[in-house]
Amino acid sequence: NGHLEVVKALLLVNPDMCDAQDRDGQSPLHIAVIKGRVDVLKELVQTKPEAVLLRTERGETILHLCVKHYQIDALEIFGRDNQRKWIYQF
């Protein structure tokens, strides 16, 4: 496994990696949601909270991807009090 440790190491080198997007417009945050990697998702959001505002090339938000890929655990992160302010940006 070890995904979280790798992500932490990469973010120490360059926190702006949270904003990187592939040809489909998917950021590390989008991929973490799709794959259900809640531990990685938490780390990315903690490092760069505004990364949740990124949309894919298809205009999908983090909330869209949570629902589309049945990632309820990931969705619950954004329902918590400290993350609720971001929901209104979607």
PDB file of N, CA and C in Angstrom:
ATOM      1  N   ASN A   1       0.846  -1.175   0.000  1.00  0.00           N
ATOM      2  CA  ASN A   1       0.000   0.000   0.000  1.00  0.00           C
ATOM      3  C   ASN A   1       0.891   1.236   0.000  1.00  0.00           C
ATOM      4  N   GLY A   2       0.989   1.969   1.088  1.00  0.00           N
ATOM      5  CA  GLY A   2       1.926   3.073   1.194  1.00  0.00           C
ATOM      6  C   GLY A   2       1.579   4.322   0.407  1.00  0.00           C
ATOM      7  N   HIS A   3       0.367   4.412  -0.137  1.00  0.00           N
ATOM      8  CA  HIS A   3       0.003   5.577  -0.944  1.00  0.00           C
ATOM      9  C   HIS A   3       0.082   6.874  -0.145  1.00  0.00           C
ATOM     10  N   LEU A   4      -0.396   6.848   1.075  1.00  0.00           N
ATOM     11  CA  LEU A   4      -0.421   8.059   1.883  1.00  0.00           C
ATOM     12  C   LEU A   4       0.986   8.576   2.148  1.00  0.00           C
ATOM     13  N   GLU A   5       1.904   7.689   2.446  1.00  0.00           N
ATOM     14  CA  GLU A   5       3.279   8.108   2.723  1.00  0.00           C
ATOM     15  C   GLU A   5       3.917   8.747   1.492  1.00  0.00           C
ATOM     16  N   VAL A   6       3.651   8.193   0.326  1.00  0.00           N
ATOM     17  CA  VAL A   6       4.187   8.755  -0.922  1.00  0.00           C
ATOM     18  C   VAL A   6       3.589  10.136  -1.164  1.00  0.00           C
ATOM     19  N   VAL A   7       2.290  10.263  -0.970  1.00  0.00           N
ATOM     20  CA  VAL A   7       1.621  11.552  -1.163  1.00  0.00           C
ATOM     21  C   VAL A   7       2.196  12.593  -0.207  1.00  0.00           C
ATOM     22  N   LYS A   8       2.368  12.237   1.051  1.00  0.00           N
ATOM     23  CA  LYS A   8       2.942  13.174   2.023  1.00  0.00           C
ATOM     24  C   LYS A   8       4.332  13.627   1.598  1.00  0.00           C
ATOM     25  N   ALA A   9       5.147  12.693   1.143  1.00  0.00           N
ATOM     26  CA  ALA A   9       6.505  13.030   0.703  1.00  0.00           C
ATOM     27  C   ALA A   9       6.475  13.976  -0.495  1.00  0.00           C
ATOM     28  N   LEU A  10       5.604  13.703  -1.454  1.00  0.00           N
ATOM     29  CA  LEU A  10       5.500  14.562  -2.636  1.00  0.00           C
ATOM     30  C   LEU A  10       4.999  15.956  -2.276  1.00  0.00           C
ATOM     31  N   LEU A  11       4.053  16.030  -1.366  1.00  0.00           N
ATOM     32  CA  LEU A  11       3.514  17.328  -0.968  1.00  0.00           C
ATOM     33  C   LEU A  11       4.529  18.154  -0.185  1.00  0.00           C
ATOM     34  N   LEU A  12       5.425  17.494   0.523  1.00  0.00           N
ATOM     35  CA  LEU A  12       6.500  18.225   1.202  1.00  0.00           C
ATOM     36  C   LEU A  12       7.413  18.906   0.193  1.00  0.00           C
ATOM     37  N   VAL A  13       7.654  18.236  -0.913  1.00  0.00           N
ATOM     38  CA  VAL A  13       8.512  18.789  -1.964  1.00  0.00           C
ATOM     39  C   VAL A  13       7.793  19.916  -2.706  1.00  0.00           C
ATOM     40  N   ASN A  14       6.509  19.703  -3.016  1.00  0.00           N
ATOM     41  CA  ASN A  14       5.767  20.690  -3.795  1.00  0.00           C
ATOM     42  C   ASN A  14       4.267  20.618  -3.487  1.00  0.00           C
ATOM     43  N   PRO A  15       3.783  21.445  -2.557  1.00  0.00           N
ATOM     44  CA  PRO A  15       2.362  21.433  -2.208  1.00  0.00           C
ATOM     45  C   PRO A  15       1.446  21.795  -3.381  1.00  0.00           C
ATOM     46  N   ASP A  16       1.992  22.498  -4.372  1.00  0.00           N
ATOM     47  CA  ASP A  16       1.184  22.882  -5.531  1.00  0.00           C
ATOM     48  C   ASP A  16       0.823  21.698  -6.420  1.00  0.00           C
ATOM     49  N   MET A  17       1.366  20.529  -6.111  1.00  0.00           N
ATOM     50  CA  MET A  17       0.992  19.332  -6.871  1.00  0.00           C
ATOM     51  C   MET A  17      -0.502  19.052  -6.737  1.00  0.00           C
ATOM     52  N   CYS A  18      -1.120  19.575  -5.704  1.00  0.00           N
ATOM     53  CA  CYS A  18      -2.569  19.409  -5.520  1.00  0.00           C
ATOM     54  C   CYS A  18      -3.344  20.010  -6.690  1.00  0.00           C
ATOM     55  N   ASP A  19      -2.763  21.018  -7.341  1.00  0.00           N
ATOM     56  CA  ASP A  19      -3.431  21.711  -8.444  1.00  0.00           C
ATOM     57  C   ASP A  19      -3.151  21.098  -9.810  1.00  0.00           C
ATOM     58  N   ALA A  20      -2.228  20.160  -9.882  1.00  0.00           N
ATOM     59  CA  ALA A  20      -1.883  19.545 -11.172  1.00  0.00           C
ATOM     60  C   ALA A  20      -3.097  18.816 -11.730  1.00  0.00           C
ATOM     61  N   GLN A  21      -3.262  18.891 -13.047  1.00  0.00           N
ATOM     62  CA  GLN A  21      -4.379  18.197 -13.689  1.00  0.00           C
ATOM     63  C   GLN A  21      -3.871  17.439 -14.910  1.00  0.00           C
ATOM     64  N   ASP A  22      -4.442  16.263 -15.125  1.00  0.00           N
ATOM     65  CA  ASP A  22      -4.070  15.471 -16.293  1.00  0.00           C
ATOM     66  C   ASP A  22      -4.885  15.926 -17.510  1.00  0.00           C
ATOM     67  N   ARG A  23      -4.782  15.218 -18.614  1.00  0.00           N
ATOM     68  CA  ARG A  23      -5.460  15.651 -19.846  1.00  0.00           C
ATOM     69  C   ARG A  23      -6.983  15.646 -19.723  1.00  0.00           C
ATOM     70  N   ASP A  24      -7.503  14.917 -18.746  1.00  0.00           N
ATOM     71  CA  ASP A  24      -8.944  14.898 -18.499  1.00  0.00           C
ATOM     72  C   ASP A  24      -9.356  15.933 -17.452  1.00  0.00           C
ATOM     73  N   GLY A  25      -8.379  16.714 -17.007  1.00  0.00           N
ATOM     74  CA  GLY A  25      -8.651  17.728 -15.999  1.00  0.00           C
ATOM     75  C   GLY A  25      -8.758  17.175 -14.594  1.00  0.00           C
ATOM     76  N   GLN A  26      -8.330  15.935 -14.408  1.00  0.00           N
ATOM     77  CA  GLN A  26      -8.411  15.332 -13.077  1.00  0.00           C
ATOM     78  C   GLN A  26      -7.166  15.675 -12.265  1.00  0.00           C
ATOM     79  N   SER A  27      -7.418  16.151 -11.070  1.00  0.00           N
ATOM     80  CA  SER A  27      -6.347  16.474 -10.132  1.00  0.00           C
ATOM     81  C   SER A  27      -6.116  15.275  -9.210  1.00  0.00           C
ATOM     82  N   PRO A  28      -5.066  15.321  -8.397  1.00  0.00           N
ATOM     83  CA  PRO A  28      -4.874  14.249  -7.411  1.00  0.00           C
ATOM     84  C   PRO A  28      -6.086  14.084  -6.492  1.00  0.00           C
ATOM     85  N   LEU A  29      -6.735  15.181  -6.185  1.00  0.00           N
ATOM     86  CA  LEU A  29      -7.932  15.130  -5.344  1.00  0.00           C
ATOM     87  C   LEU A  29      -9.058  14.367  -6.042  1.00  0.00           C
ATOM     88  N   HIS A  30      -9.265  14.641  -7.319  1.00  0.00           N
ATOM     89  CA  HIS A  30     -10.291  13.921  -8.088  1.00  0.00           C
ATOM     90  C   HIS A  30      -9.992  12.422  -8.107  1.00  0.00           C
ATOM     91  N   ILE A  31      -8.752  12.084  -8.342  1.00  0.00           N
ATOM     92  CA  ILE A  31      -8.369  10.672  -8.428  1.00  0.00           C
ATOM     93  C   ILE A  31      -8.532   9.984  -7.074  1.00  0.00           C
ATOM     94  N   ALA A  32      -8.168  10.685  -5.998  1.00  0.00           N
ATOM     95  CA  ALA A  32      -8.346  10.115  -4.656  1.00  0.00           C
ATOM     96  C   ALA A  32      -9.821   9.831  -4.380  1.00  0.00           C
ATOM     97  N   VAL A  33     -10.697  10.729  -4.812  1.00  0.00           N
ATOM     98  CA  VAL A  33     -12.139  10.516  -4.634  1.00  0.00           C
ATOM     99  C   VAL A  33     -12.599   9.311  -5.440  1.00  0.00           C
ATOM    100  N   ILE A  34     -12.230   9.266  -6.710  1.00  0.00           N
ATOM    101  CA  ILE A  34     -12.650   8.175  -7.595  1.00  0.00           C
ATOM    102  C   ILE A  34     -12.209   6.820  -7.046  1.00  0.00           C
ATOM    103  N   LYS A  35     -10.986   6.767  -6.519  1.00  0.00           N
ATOM    104  CA  LYS A  35     -10.430   5.509  -6.014  1.00  0.00           C
ATOM    105  C   LYS A  35     -10.855   5.208  -4.577  1.00  0.00           C
ATOM    106  N   GLY A  36     -11.526   6.165  -3.931  1.00  0.00           N
ATOM    107  CA  GLY A  36     -11.968   5.948  -2.557  1.00  0.00           C
ATOM    108  C   GLY A  36     -10.846   6.004  -1.539  1.00  0.00           C
ATOM    109  N   ARG A  37      -9.799   6.752  -1.838  1.00  0.00           N
ATOM    110  CA  ARG A  37      -8.645   6.879  -0.937  1.00  0.00           C
ATOM    111  C   ARG A  37      -8.874   8.041   0.027  1.00  0.00           C
ATOM    112  N   VAL A  38      -9.700   7.798   1.023  1.00  0.00           N
ATOM    113  CA  VAL A  38     -10.087   8.843   1.964  1.00  0.00           C
ATOM    114  C   VAL A  38      -8.876   9.389   2.712  1.00  0.00           C
ATOM    115  N   ASP A  39      -7.932   8.536   3.057  1.00  0.00           N
ATOM    116  CA  ASP A  39      -6.735   8.993   3.770  1.00  0.00           C
ATOM    117  C   ASP A  39      -5.941   9.983   2.920  1.00  0.00           C
ATOM    118  N   VAL A  40      -5.806   9.692   1.644  1.00  0.00           N
ATOM    119  CA  VAL A  40      -5.094  10.587   0.721  1.00  0.00           C
ATOM    120  C   VAL A  40      -5.909  11.861   0.515  1.00  0.00           C
ATOM    121  N   LEU A  41      -7.199  11.718   0.373  1.00  0.00           N
ATOM    122  CA  LEU A  41      -8.089  12.860   0.194  1.00  0.00           C
ATOM    123  C   LEU A  41      -7.947  13.848   1.350  1.00  0.00           C
ATOM    124  N   LYS A  42      -7.963  13.342   2.572  1.00  0.00           N
ATOM    125  CA  LYS A  42      -7.811  14.202   3.750  1.00  0.00           C
ATOM    126  C   LYS A  42      -6.485  14.957   3.714  1.00  0.00           C
ATOM    127  N   GLU A  43      -5.427  14.268   3.363  1.00  0.00           N
ATOM    128  CA  GLU A  43      -4.100  14.895   3.305  1.00  0.00           C
ATOM    129  C   GLU A  43      -4.063  15.999   2.253  1.00  0.00           C
ATOM    130  N   LEU A  44      -4.625  15.738   1.086  1.00  0.00           N
ATOM    131  CA  LEU A  44      -4.642  16.735   0.012  1.00  0.00           C
ATOM    132  C   LEU A  44      -5.460  17.958   0.403  1.00  0.00           C
ATOM    133  N   VAL A  45      -6.620  17.740   1.006  1.00  0.00           N
ATOM    134  CA  VAL A  45      -7.482  18.851   1.419  1.00  0.00           C
ATOM    135  C   VAL A  45      -6.821  19.650   2.532  1.00  0.00           C
ATOM    136  N   GLN A  46      -6.156  18.971   3.437  1.00  0.00           N
ATOM    137  CA  GLN A  46      -5.463  19.669   4.526  1.00  0.00           C
ATOM    138  C   GLN A  46      -4.323  20.523   3.980  1.00  0.00           C
ATOM    139  N   THR A  47      -3.614  20.011   2.997  1.00  0.00           N
ATOM    140  CA  THR A  47      -2.483  20.735   2.419  1.00  0.00           C
ATOM    141  C   THR A  47      -2.938  21.929   1.592  1.00  0.00           C
ATOM    142  N   LYS A  48      -3.967  21.730   0.799  1.00  0.00           N
ATOM    143  CA  LYS A  48      -4.419  22.799  -0.099  1.00  0.00           C
ATOM    144  C   LYS A  48      -5.944  22.757  -0.225  1.00  0.00           C
ATOM    145  N   PRO A  49      -6.658  23.330   0.743  1.00  0.00           N
ATOM    146  CA  PRO A  49      -8.119  23.248   0.765  1.00  0.00           C
ATOM    147  C   PRO A  49      -8.795  23.771  -0.501  1.00  0.00           C
ATOM    148  N   GLU A  50      -8.223  24.797  -1.094  1.00  0.00           N
ATOM    149  CA  GLU A  50      -8.853  25.378  -2.281  1.00  0.00           C
ATOM    150  C   GLU A  50      -8.811  24.459  -3.503  1.00  0.00           C
ATOM    151  N   ALA A  51      -8.047  23.384  -3.432  1.00  0.00           N
ATOM    152  CA  ALA A  51      -7.992  22.414  -4.535  1.00  0.00           C
ATOM    153  C   ALA A  51      -9.342  21.738  -4.753  1.00  0.00           C
ATOM    154  N   VAL A  52     -10.218  21.781  -3.758  1.00  0.00           N
ATOM    155  CA  VAL A  52     -11.544  21.173  -3.928  1.00  0.00           C
ATOM    156  C   VAL A  52     -12.379  21.915  -4.959  1.00  0.00           C
ATOM    157  N   LEU A  53     -11.978  23.114  -5.316  1.00  0.00           N
ATOM    158  CA  LEU A  53     -12.739  23.906  -6.281  1.00  0.00           C
ATOM    159  C   LEU A  53     -12.439  23.535  -7.728  1.00  0.00           C
ATOM    160  N   LEU A  54     -11.385  22.767  -7.959  1.00  0.00           N
ATOM    161  CA  LEU A  54     -11.035  22.376  -9.329  1.00  0.00           C
ATOM    162  C   LEU A  54     -12.119  21.491  -9.927  1.00  0.00           C
ATOM    163  N   ARG A  55     -12.380  21.710 -11.205  1.00  0.00           N
ATOM    164  CA  ARG A  55     -13.334  20.882 -11.950  1.00  0.00           C
ATOM    165  C   ARG A  55     -12.582  20.107 -13.020  1.00  0.00           C
ATOM    166  N   THR A  56     -13.125  18.966 -13.377  1.00  0.00           N
ATOM    167  CA  THR A  56     -12.538  18.180 -14.465  1.00  0.00           C
ATOM    168  C   THR A  56     -12.888  18.854 -15.796  1.00  0.00           C
ATOM    169  N   GLU A  57     -12.340  18.338 -16.891  1.00  0.00           N
ATOM    170  CA  GLU A  57     -12.659  18.863 -18.221  1.00  0.00           C
ATOM    171  C   GLU A  57     -14.155  18.769 -18.519  1.00  0.00           C
ATOM    172  N   ARG A  58     -14.817  17.823 -17.896  1.00  0.00           N
ATOM    173  CA  ARG A  58     -16.266  17.641 -18.093  1.00  0.00           C
ATOM    174  C   ARG A  58     -17.087  18.504 -17.140  1.00  0.00           C
ATOM    175  N   GLY A  59     -16.402  19.331 -16.342  1.00  0.00           N
ATOM    176  CA  GLY A  59     -17.089  20.220 -15.414  1.00  0.00           C
ATOM    177  C   GLY A  59     -17.492  19.566 -14.110  1.00  0.00           C
ATOM    178  N   GLU A  60     -16.976  18.379 -13.846  1.00  0.00           N
ATOM    179  CA  GLU A  60     -17.351  17.659 -12.628  1.00  0.00           C
ATOM    180  C   GLU A  60     -16.574  18.188 -11.425  1.00  0.00           C
ATOM    181  N   THR A  61     -17.296  18.355 -10.339  1.00  0.00           N
ATOM    182  CA  THR A  61     -16.687  18.769  -9.082  1.00  0.00           C
ATOM    183  C   THR A  61     -16.378  17.532  -8.239  1.00  0.00           C
ATOM    184  N   ILE A  62     -15.751  17.770  -7.115  1.00  0.00           N
ATOM    185  CA  ILE A  62     -15.479  16.694  -6.170  1.00  0.00           C
ATOM    186  C   ILE A  62     -16.789  16.021  -5.741  1.00  0.00           C
ATOM    187  N   LEU A  63     -17.807  16.826  -5.494  1.00  0.00           N
ATOM    188  CA  LEU A  63     -19.089  16.253  -5.078  1.00  0.00           C
ATOM    189  C   LEU A  63     -19.705  15.390  -6.177  1.00  0.00           C
ATOM    190  N   HIS A  64     -19.617  15.848  -7.427  1.00  0.00           N
ATOM    191  CA  HIS A  64     -20.108  15.028  -8.544  1.00  0.00           C
ATOM    192  C   HIS A  64     -19.416  13.665  -8.546  1.00  0.00           C
ATOM    193  N   LEU A  65     -18.097  13.686  -8.404  1.00  0.00           N
ATOM    194  CA  LEU A  65     -17.325  12.443  -8.471  1.00  0.00           C
ATOM    195  C   LEU A  65     -17.628  11.520  -7.294  1.00  0.00           C
ATOM    196  N   CYS A  66     -17.839  12.089  -6.114  1.00  0.00           N
ATOM    197  CA  CYS A  66     -18.210  11.264  -4.951  1.00  0.00           C
ATOM    198  C   CYS A  66     -19.489  10.487  -5.238  1.00  0.00           C
ATOM    199  N   VAL A  67     -20.475  11.182  -5.776  1.00  0.00           N
ATOM    200  CA  VAL A  67     -21.763  10.543  -6.059  1.00  0.00           C
ATOM    201  C   VAL A  67     -21.633   9.568  -7.221  1.00  0.00           C
ATOM    202  N   LYS A  68     -20.997   9.999  -8.290  1.00  0.00           N
ATOM    203  CA  LYS A  68     -20.856   9.176  -9.499  1.00  0.00           C
ATOM    204  C   LYS A  68     -20.157   7.850  -9.220  1.00  0.00           C
ATOM    205  N   HIS A  69     -19.171   7.879  -8.319  1.00  0.00           N
ATOM    206  CA  HIS A  69     -18.373   6.679  -8.035  1.00  0.00           C
ATOM    207  C   HIS A  69     -18.737   6.037  -6.695  1.00  0.00           C
ATOM    208  N   TYR A  70     -19.886   6.430  -6.149  1.00  0.00           N
ATOM    209  CA  TYR A  70     -20.407   5.826  -4.912  1.00  0.00           C
ATOM    210  C   TYR A  70     -19.409   5.899  -3.755  1.00  0.00           C
ATOM    211  N   GLN A  71     -18.738   7.015  -3.627  1.00  0.00           N
ATOM    212  CA  GLN A  71     -17.736   7.180  -2.574  1.00  0.00           C
ATOM    213  C   GLN A  71     -18.335   7.971  -1.410  1.00  0.00           C
ATOM    214  N   ILE A  72     -19.178   7.305  -0.657  1.00  0.00           N
ATOM    215  CA  ILE A  72     -19.889   7.938   0.459  1.00  0.00           C
ATOM    216  C   ILE A  72     -18.920   8.378   1.556  1.00  0.00           C
ATOM    217  N   ASP A  73     -17.907   7.574   1.849  1.00  0.00           N
ATOM    218  CA  ASP A  73     -16.927   7.957   2.877  1.00  0.00           C
ATOM    219  C   ASP A  73     -16.220   9.249   2.491  1.00  0.00           C
ATOM    220  N   ALA A  74     -15.892   9.387   1.218  1.00  0.00           N
ATOM    221  CA  ALA A  74     -15.253  10.615   0.744  1.00  0.00           C
ATOM    222  C   ALA A  74     -16.230  11.781   0.841  1.00  0.00           C
ATOM    223  N   LEU A  75     -17.465  11.550   0.492  1.00  0.00           N
ATOM    224  CA  LEU A  75     -18.493  12.592   0.537  1.00  0.00           C
ATOM    225  C   LEU A  75     -18.687  13.109   1.958  1.00  0.00           C
ATOM    226  N   GLU A  76     -18.608  12.215   2.933  1.00  0.00           N
ATOM    227  CA  GLU A  76     -18.802  12.607   4.333  1.00  0.00           C
ATOM    228  C   GLU A  76     -17.747  13.597   4.810  1.00  0.00           C
ATOM    229  N   ILE A  77     -16.568  13.562   4.245  1.00  0.00           N
ATOM    230  CA  ILE A  77     -15.512  14.510   4.629  1.00  0.00           C
ATOM    231  C   ILE A  77     -15.981  15.939   4.394  1.00  0.00           C
ATOM    232  N   PHE A  78     -16.693  16.148   3.293  1.00  0.00           N
ATOM    233  CA  PHE A  78     -17.118  17.498   2.943  1.00  0.00           C
ATOM    234  C   PHE A  78     -18.364  17.935   3.692  1.00  0.00           C
ATOM    235  N   GLY A  79     -18.998  17.031   4.416  1.00  0.00           N
ATOM    236  CA  GLY A  79     -20.151  17.372   5.230  1.00  0.00           C
ATOM    237  C   GLY A  79     -19.777  17.785   6.638  1.00  0.00           C
ATOM    238  N   ARG A  80     -18.530  17.597   6.991  1.00  0.00           N
ATOM    239  CA  ARG A  80     -18.073  17.969   8.333  1.00  0.00           C
ATOM    240  C   ARG A  80     -17.998  19.485   8.443  1.00  0.00           C
ATOM    241  N   ASP A  81     -18.141  19.972   9.657  1.00  0.00           N
ATOM    242  CA  ASP A  81     -18.192  21.412   9.900  1.00  0.00           C
ATOM    243  C   ASP A  81     -17.007  22.164   9.317  1.00  0.00           C
ATOM    244  N   ASN A  82     -15.802  21.631   9.463  1.00  0.00           N
ATOM    245  CA  ASN A  82     -14.625  22.368   9.011  1.00  0.00           C
ATOM    246  C   ASN A  82     -14.487  22.392   7.493  1.00  0.00           C
ATOM    247  N   GLN A  83     -15.232  21.568   6.781  1.00  0.00           N
ATOM    248  CA  GLN A  83     -15.162  21.563   5.322  1.00  0.00           C
ATOM    249  C   GLN A  83     -16.449  22.082   4.679  1.00  0.00           C
ATOM    250  N   ARG A  84     -17.462  22.306   5.465  1.00  0.00           N
ATOM    251  CA  ARG A  84     -18.770  22.663   4.923  1.00  0.00           C
ATOM    252  C   ARG A  84     -18.726  23.926   4.067  1.00  0.00           C
ATOM    253  N   LYS A  85     -17.866  24.880   4.397  1.00  0.00           N
ATOM    254  CA  LYS A  85     -17.812  26.130   3.628  1.00  0.00           C
ATOM    255  C   LYS A  85     -17.499  25.872   2.158  1.00  0.00           C
ATOM    256  N   TRP A  86     -16.786  24.789   1.849  1.00  0.00           N
ATOM    257  CA  TRP A  86     -16.425  24.494   0.458  1.00  0.00           C
ATOM    258  C   TRP A  86     -17.606  23.971  -0.338  1.00  0.00           C
ATOM    259  N   ILE A  87     -18.559  23.353   0.315  1.00  0.00           N
ATOM    260  CA  ILE A  87     -19.717  22.804  -0.391  1.00  0.00           C
ATOM    261  C   ILE A  87     -20.443  23.905  -1.156  1.00  0.00           C
ATOM    262  N   TYR A  88     -20.516  25.079  -0.578  1.00  0.00           N
ATOM    263  CA  TYR A  88     -21.268  26.169  -1.200  1.00  0.00           C
ATOM    264  C   TYR A  88     -20.582  26.715  -2.451  1.00  0.00           C
ATOM    265  N   GLN A  89     -19.344  26.347  -2.672  1.00  0.00           N
ATOM    266  CA  GLN A  89     -18.627  26.776  -3.872  1.00  0.00           C
ATOM    267  C   GLN A  89     -18.960  25.904  -5.075  1.00  0.00           C
ATOM    268  N   PHE A  90     -19.579  24.752  -4.845  1.00  0.00           N
ATOM    269  CA  PHE A  90     -19.869  23.828  -5.935  1.00  0.00           C
ATOM    270  C   PHE A  90     -21.122  24.280  -6.617  1.00  0.00           C
TER     271      PHE A  90
END
